[in-house]
Amino acid sequence: MEINYKLNEIEQVALKLIKSFKSKTILFYGDLGVGKTTLIKTLVKILGSSDEVSSPTFSIVNEYNLKSDKIFHFDLYRINNEEELYDFGFEDYVSNNNWVFIEWPNIALPILIDDYDQIEIKTNQKLERKLKLTN
Protein backbone atom coordinates (compact mmCIF):
# COMPACT_ATOMS: atom_id res chain seq x y z
CA MET A 1 0.00 0.00 0.00
CA GLU A 2 1.25 3.49 -0.83
CA ILE A 3 -0.13 6.73 0.60
CA ASN A 4 0.76 10.34 -0.20
CA TYR A 5 -0.18 12.69 2.62
CA LYS A 6 0.39 16.08 4.22
CA LEU A 7 1.12 16.28 7.93
CA ASN A 8 -2.39 17.59 8.67
CA GLU A 9 -3.75 14.28 7.29
CA ILE A 10 -1.66 12.06 9.56
CA GLU A 11 -4.56 10.85 11.74
CA GLN A 12 -6.41 9.45 8.71
CA VAL A 13 -3.17 7.81 7.55
CA ALA A 14 -2.61 6.24 10.98
CA LEU A 15 -6.16 4.87 11.07
CA LYS A 16 -5.72 3.32 7.63
CA LEU A 17 -2.38 1.79 8.66
CA ILE A 18 -3.76 0.24 11.84
CA LYS A 19 -6.48 -1.46 9.81
CA SER A 20 -3.84 -2.74 7.35
CA PHE A 21 -1.22 -4.07 9.78
CA LYS A 22 -0.77 -7.83 9.78
CA SER A 23 1.70 -7.74 12.66
CA LYS A 24 2.18 -5.82 15.92
CA THR A 25 5.87 -5.32 15.12
CA ILE A 26 6.32 -2.36 12.79
CA LEU A 27 9.66 -1.28 11.30
CA PHE A 28 10.04 2.37 10.31
CA TYR A 29 12.46 3.47 7.58
CA GLY A 30 13.22 7.00 6.42
CA ASP A 31 15.76 9.77 6.59
CA LEU A 32 16.22 11.97 9.66
CA GLY A 33 13.34 14.41 10.01
CA VAL A 34 11.03 12.67 7.56
CA GLY A 35 8.31 12.11 10.17
CA LYS A 36 8.80 8.62 11.62
CA THR A 37 8.34 9.74 15.23
CA THR A 38 5.44 12.01 14.29
CA LEU A 39 3.64 9.06 12.72
CA ILE A 40 4.43 6.88 15.75
CA LYS A 41 3.00 9.56 18.09
CA THR A 42 -0.24 9.45 16.13
CA LEU A 43 -0.35 5.64 16.05
CA VAL A 44 0.20 5.48 19.83
CA LYS A 45 -2.63 7.97 20.40
CA ILE A 46 -5.06 6.14 18.10
CA LEU A 47 -4.22 2.80 19.72
CA GLY A 48 -5.46 4.33 22.97
CA SER A 49 -2.48 5.54 24.98
CA SER A 50 -2.55 8.91 26.70
CA ASP A 51 1.18 8.70 27.46
CA GLU A 52 3.48 11.43 26.18
CA VAL A 53 5.36 10.15 23.13
CA SER A 54 8.91 11.27 22.43
CA SER A 55 11.80 9.96 20.40
CA PRO A 56 13.79 7.34 22.33
CA THR A 57 17.05 8.42 20.68
CA PHE A 58 18.97 8.48 23.96
CA SER A 59 16.93 6.04 26.03
CA ILE A 60 16.82 3.51 23.11
CA VAL A 61 13.30 2.37 24.15
CA ASN A 62 10.20 4.12 25.46
CA GLU A 63 7.19 2.26 26.86
CA TYR A 64 3.61 3.44 26.41
CA ASN A 65 0.65 1.87 28.20
CA LEU A 66 -2.63 0.77 26.67
CA LYS A 67 -5.62 -0.65 28.57
CA SER A 68 -4.59 -4.27 28.10
CA ASP A 69 -1.36 -3.98 26.15
CA LYS A 70 1.88 -2.04 25.85
CA ILE A 71 3.76 -0.33 23.06
CA PHE A 72 7.55 -0.45 22.98
CA HIS A 73 9.06 2.28 20.81
CA PHE A 74 12.70 1.77 19.81
CA ASP A 75 15.17 4.10 18.13
CA LEU A 76 18.19 2.00 17.14
CA TYR A 77 20.09 4.83 15.41
CA ARG A 78 22.90 4.77 18.01
CA ILE A 79 23.19 0.97 18.24
CA ASN A 80 26.45 -0.19 16.67
CA ASN A 81 26.07 -3.96 16.66
CA GLU A 82 23.78 -6.86 17.46
CA GLU A 83 25.52 -7.54 20.77
CA GLU A 84 24.31 -4.18 22.13
CA LEU A 85 20.73 -5.30 21.43
CA TYR A 86 21.25 -8.45 23.49
CA ASP A 87 22.82 -6.38 26.29
CA PHE A 88 19.53 -4.62 27.02
CA GLY A 89 17.24 -7.59 26.29
CA PHE A 90 15.88 -6.53 22.91
CA GLU A 91 14.89 -10.12 22.08
CA ASP A 92 12.58 -10.18 25.13
CA TYR A 93 10.74 -7.06 23.96
CA VAL A 94 10.13 -8.43 20.47
CA SER A 95 9.20 -11.97 21.50
CA ASN A 96 6.06 -10.97 23.39
CA ASN A 97 2.66 -10.03 22.00
CA ASN A 98 2.89 -6.27 22.60
CA TRP A 99 3.14 -3.59 19.96
CA VAL A 100 6.74 -2.89 18.92
CA PHE A 101 7.64 0.17 16.82
CA ILE A 102 11.27 0.26 15.65
CA GLU A 103 12.96 3.25 14.04
CA TRP A 104 16.27 2.51 12.26
CA PRO A 105 15.66 -1.28 12.42
CA ASN A 106 18.41 -2.64 10.12
CA ILE A 107 20.70 -3.74 12.96
CA ALA A 108 17.83 -5.76 14.48
CA LEU A 109 16.78 -7.70 11.38
CA PRO A 110 18.81 -10.83 12.27
CA ILE A 111 17.03 -11.03 15.64
CA LEU A 112 13.50 -10.42 14.39
CA ILE A 113 11.31 -13.25 13.27
CA ASP A 114 9.71 -12.70 9.87
CA ASP A 115 6.48 -11.45 11.40
CA TYR A 116 6.67 -7.68 10.92
CA ASP A 117 5.32 -4.90 8.74
CA GLN A 118 7.57 -2.26 7.24
CA ILE A 119 6.85 1.41 6.68
CA GLU A 120 9.10 3.56 4.52
CA ILE A 121 8.54 7.31 4.53
CA LYS A 122 9.99 9.79 2.03
CA THR A 123 9.27 13.40 1.19
CA ASN A 124 8.46 14.61 -2.30
CA GLN A 125 8.87 17.95 -4.07
CA LYS A 126 5.48 19.15 -2.79
CA LEU A 127 6.64 18.66 0.83
CA GLU A 128 4.19 15.82 1.17
CA ARG A 129 5.11 12.48 2.66
CA LYS A 130 5.07 9.33 0.59
CA LEU A 131 4.52 6.27 2.73
CA LYS A 132 4.87 2.66 1.64
CA LEU A 133 3.55 -0.14 3.85
CA THR A 134 4.87 -3.65 3.18
CA ASN A 135 3.31 -6.59 5.04
C-alpha atoms as a PDB file:
ATOM      1  CA  MET A   1       0.000   0.000   0.000  1.00  0.00           C
ATOM      2  CA  GLU A   2       1.247   3.494  -0.826  1.00  0.00           C
ATOM      3  CA  ILE A   3      -0.133   6.732   0.598  1.00  0.00           C
ATOM      4  CA  ASN A   4       0.763  10.336  -0.201  1.00  0.00           C
ATOM      5  CA  TYR A   5      -0.179  12.694   2.621  1.00  0.00           C
ATOM      6  CA  LYS A   6       0.389  16.082   4.221  1.00  0.00           C
ATOM      7  CA  LEU A   7       1.115  16.277   7.927  1.00  0.00           C
ATOM      8  CA  ASN A   8      -2.386  17.591   8.670  1.00  0.00           C
ATOM      9  CA  GLU A   9      -3.747  14.278   7.294  1.00  0.00           C
ATOM     10  CA  ILE A  10      -1.662  12.064   9.562  1.00  0.00           C
ATOM     11  CA  GLU A  11      -4.564  10.848  11.738  1.00  0.00           C
ATOM     12  CA  GLN A  12      -6.406   9.455   8.707  1.00  0.00           C
ATOM     13  CA  VAL A  13      -3.173   7.810   7.549  1.00  0.00           C
ATOM     14  CA  ALA A  14      -2.612   6.238  10.977  1.00  0.00           C
ATOM     15  CA  LEU A  15      -6.164   4.865  11.071  1.00  0.00           C
ATOM     16  CA  LYS A  16      -5.716   3.321   7.635  1.00  0.00           C
ATOM     17  CA  LEU A  17      -2.383   1.789   8.659  1.00  0.00           C
ATOM     18  CA  ILE A  18      -3.756   0.235  11.843  1.00  0.00           C
ATOM     19  CA  LYS A  19      -6.478  -1.463   9.813  1.00  0.00           C
ATOM     20  CA  SER A  20      -3.839  -2.737   7.354  1.00  0.00           C
ATOM     21  CA  PHE A  21      -1.220  -4.066   9.780  1.00  0.00           C
ATOM     22  CA  LYS A  22      -0.772  -7.828   9.776  1.00  0.00           C
ATOM     23  CA  SER A  23       1.704  -7.736  12.664  1.00  0.00           C
ATOM     24  CA  LYS A  24       2.178  -5.825  15.917  1.00  0.00           C
ATOM     25  CA  THR A  25       5.871  -5.318  15.117  1.00  0.00           C
ATOM     26  CA  ILE A  26       6.322  -2.363  12.787  1.00  0.00           C
ATOM     27  CA  LEU A  27       9.662  -1.282  11.296  1.00  0.00           C
ATOM     28  CA  PHE A  28      10.041   2.371  10.308  1.00  0.00           C
ATOM     29  CA  TYR A  29      12.464   3.467   7.583  1.00  0.00           C
ATOM     30  CA  GLY A  30      13.215   7.001   6.420  1.00  0.00           C
ATOM     31  CA  ASP A  31      15.763   9.774   6.585  1.00  0.00           C
ATOM     32  CA  LEU A  32      16.220  11.971   9.656  1.00  0.00           C
ATOM     33  CA  GLY A  33      13.345  14.410  10.005  1.00  0.00           C
ATOM     34  CA  VAL A  34      11.026  12.665   7.561  1.00  0.00           C
ATOM     35  CA  GLY A  35       8.308  12.111  10.174  1.00  0.00           C
ATOM     36  CA  LYS A  36       8.798   8.615  11.620  1.00  0.00           C
ATOM     37  CA  THR A  37       8.339   9.740  15.227  1.00  0.00           C
ATOM     38  CA  THR A  38       5.439  12.013  14.285  1.00  0.00           C
ATOM     39  CA  LEU A  39       3.637   9.059  12.724  1.00  0.00           C
ATOM     40  CA  ILE A  40       4.434   6.883  15.750  1.00  0.00           C
ATOM     41  CA  LYS A  41       3.001   9.561  18.095  1.00  0.00           C
ATOM     42  CA  THR A  42      -0.238   9.452  16.131  1.00  0.00           C
ATOM     43  CA  LEU A  43      -0.353   5.640  16.051  1.00  0.00           C
ATOM     44  CA  VAL A  44       0.196   5.483  19.831  1.00  0.00           C
ATOM     45  CA  LYS A  45      -2.633   7.971  20.401  1.00  0.00           C
ATOM     46  CA  ILE A  46      -5.062   6.144  18.105  1.00  0.00           C
ATOM     47  CA  LEU A  47      -4.222   2.800  19.721  1.00  0.00           C
ATOM     48  CA  GLY A  48      -5.461   4.329  22.973  1.00  0.00           C
ATOM     49  CA  SER A  49      -2.479   5.541  24.976  1.00  0.00           C
ATOM     50  CA  SER A  50      -2.550   8.915  26.700  1.00  0.00           C
ATOM     51  CA  ASP A  51       1.181   8.703  27.457  1.00  0.00           C
ATOM     52  CA  GLU A  52       3.481  11.430  26.177  1.00  0.00           C
ATOM     53  CA  VAL A  53       5.356  10.147  23.133  1.00  0.00           C
ATOM     54  CA  SER A  54       8.906  11.268  22.429  1.00  0.00           C
ATOM     55  CA  SER A  55      11.797   9.962  20.398  1.00  0.00           C
ATOM     56  CA  PRO A  56      13.790   7.345  22.331  1.00  0.00           C
ATOM     57  CA  THR A  57      17.051   8.424  20.679  1.00  0.00           C
ATOM     58  CA  PHE A  58      18.967   8.479  23.960  1.00  0.00           C
ATOM     59  CA  SER A  59      16.932   6.037  26.033  1.00  0.00           C
ATOM     60  CA  ILE A  60      16.819   3.511  23.114  1.00  0.00           C
ATOM     61  CA  VAL A  61      13.295   2.372  24.148  1.00  0.00           C
ATOM     62  CA  ASN A  62      10.196   4.115  25.457  1.00  0.00           C
ATOM     63  CA  GLU A  63       7.193   2.260  26.856  1.00  0.00           C
ATOM     64  CA  TYR A  64       3.610   3.439  26.411  1.00  0.00           C
ATOM     65  CA  ASN A  65       0.647   1.874  28.199  1.00  0.00           C
ATOM     66  CA  LEU A  66      -2.632   0.772  26.670  1.00  0.00           C
ATOM     67  CA  LYS A  67      -5.619  -0.648  28.569  1.00  0.00           C
ATOM     68  CA  SER A  68      -4.592  -4.272  28.099  1.00  0.00           C
ATOM     69  CA  ASP A  69      -1.362  -3.983  26.146  1.00  0.00           C
ATOM     70  CA  LYS A  70       1.882  -2.044  25.853  1.00  0.00           C
ATOM     71  CA  ILE A  71       3.760  -0.335  23.057  1.00  0.00           C
ATOM     72  CA  PHE A  72       7.551  -0.449  22.981  1.00  0.00           C
ATOM     73  CA  HIS A  73       9.063   2.282  20.808  1.00  0.00           C
ATOM     74  CA  PHE A  74      12.705   1.775  19.808  1.00  0.00           C
ATOM     75  CA  ASP A  75      15.171   4.097  18.133  1.00  0.00           C
ATOM     76  CA  LEU A  76      18.189   1.995  17.139  1.00  0.00           C
ATOM     77  CA  TYR A  77      20.091   4.830  15.414  1.00  0.00           C
ATOM     78  CA  ARG A  78      22.903   4.772  18.009  1.00  0.00           C
ATOM     79  CA  ILE A  79      23.187   0.975  18.242  1.00  0.00           C
ATOM     80  CA  ASN A  80      26.447  -0.185  16.674  1.00  0.00           C
ATOM     81  CA  ASN A  81      26.069  -3.963  16.657  1.00  0.00           C
ATOM     82  CA  GLU A  82      23.775  -6.859  17.460  1.00  0.00           C
ATOM     83  CA  GLU A  83      25.524  -7.537  20.770  1.00  0.00           C
ATOM     84  CA  GLU A  84      24.305  -4.176  22.125  1.00  0.00           C
ATOM     85  CA  LEU A  85      20.730  -5.300  21.427  1.00  0.00           C
ATOM     86  CA  TYR A  86      21.252  -8.452  23.486  1.00  0.00           C
ATOM     87  CA  ASP A  87      22.824  -6.383  26.286  1.00  0.00           C
ATOM     88  CA  PHE A  88      19.529  -4.618  27.017  1.00  0.00           C
ATOM     89  CA  GLY A  89      17.242  -7.590  26.293  1.00  0.00           C
ATOM     90  CA  PHE A  90      15.878  -6.534  22.910  1.00  0.00           C
ATOM     91  CA  GLU A  91      14.894 -10.117  22.083  1.00  0.00           C
ATOM     92  CA  ASP A  92      12.581 -10.180  25.135  1.00  0.00           C
ATOM     93  CA  TYR A  93      10.741  -7.062  23.960  1.00  0.00           C
ATOM     94  CA  VAL A  94      10.128  -8.432  20.466  1.00  0.00           C
ATOM     95  CA  SER A  95       9.205 -11.969  21.498  1.00  0.00           C
ATOM     96  CA  ASN A  96       6.055 -10.970  23.393  1.00  0.00           C
ATOM     97  CA  ASN A  97       2.658 -10.025  22.004  1.00  0.00           C
ATOM     98  CA  ASN A  98       2.887  -6.268  22.604  1.00  0.00           C
ATOM     99  CA  TRP A  99       3.136  -3.588  19.958  1.00  0.00           C
ATOM    100  CA  VAL A 100       6.744  -2.895  18.922  1.00  0.00           C
ATOM    101  CA  PHE A 101       7.642   0.166  16.820  1.00  0.00           C
ATOM    102  CA  ILE A 102      11.271   0.257  15.653  1.00  0.00           C
ATOM    103  CA  GLU A 103      12.963   3.247  14.035  1.00  0.00           C
ATOM    104  CA  TRP A 104      16.270   2.511  12.256  1.00  0.00           C
ATOM    105  CA  PRO A 105      15.658  -1.278  12.418  1.00  0.00           C
ATOM    106  CA  ASN A 106      18.405  -2.637  10.119  1.00  0.00           C
ATOM    107  CA  ILE A 107      20.702  -3.737  12.957  1.00  0.00           C
ATOM    108  CA  ALA A 108      17.830  -5.759  14.482  1.00  0.00           C
ATOM    109  CA  LEU A 109      16.781  -7.697  11.379  1.00  0.00           C
ATOM    110  CA  PRO A 110      18.805 -10.832  12.269  1.00  0.00           C
ATOM    111  CA  ILE A 111      17.026 -11.031  15.643  1.00  0.00           C
ATOM    112  CA  LEU A 112      13.498 -10.418  14.391  1.00  0.00           C
ATOM    113  CA  ILE A 113      11.307 -13.249  13.269  1.00  0.00           C
ATOM    114  CA  ASP A 114       9.712 -12.702   9.874  1.00  0.00           C
ATOM    115  CA  ASP A 115       6.478 -11.452  11.396  1.00  0.00           C
ATOM    116  CA  TYR A 116       6.669  -7.683  10.920  1.00  0.00           C
ATOM    117  CA  ASP A 117       5.323  -4.904   8.737  1.00  0.00           C
ATOM    118  CA  GLN A 118       7.567  -2.259   7.242  1.00  0.00           C
ATOM    119  CA  ILE A 119       6.847   1.413   6.683  1.00  0.00           C
ATOM    120  CA  GLU A 120       9.096   3.558   4.522  1.00  0.00           C
ATOM    121  CA  ILE A 121       8.539   7.314   4.526  1.00  0.00           C
ATOM    122  CA  LYS A 122       9.985   9.786   2.029  1.00  0.00           C
ATOM    123  CA  THR A 123       9.270  13.404   1.192  1.00  0.00           C
ATOM    124  CA  ASN A 124       8.463  14.606  -2.302  1.00  0.00           C
ATOM    125  CA  GLN A 125       8.871  17.946  -4.069  1.00  0.00           C
ATOM    126  CA  LYS A 126       5.481  19.152  -2.793  1.00  0.00           C
ATOM    127  CA  LEU A 127       6.645  18.659   0.828  1.00  0.00           C
ATOM    128  CA  GLU A 128       4.190  15.816   1.169  1.00  0.00           C
ATOM    129  CA  ARG A 129       5.108  12.481   2.663  1.00  0.00           C
ATOM    130  CA  LYS A 130       5.074   9.332   0.591  1.00  0.00           C
ATOM    131  CA  LEU A 131       4.520   6.266   2.730  1.00  0.00           C
ATOM    132  CA  LYS A 132       4.866   2.661   1.644  1.00  0.00           C
ATOM    133  CA  LEU A 133       3.546  -0.144   3.845  1.00  0.00           C
ATOM    134  CA  THR A 134       4.873  -3.654   3.175  1.00  0.00           C
ATOM    135  CA  ASN A 135       3.306  -6.591   5.044  1.00  0.00           C
END
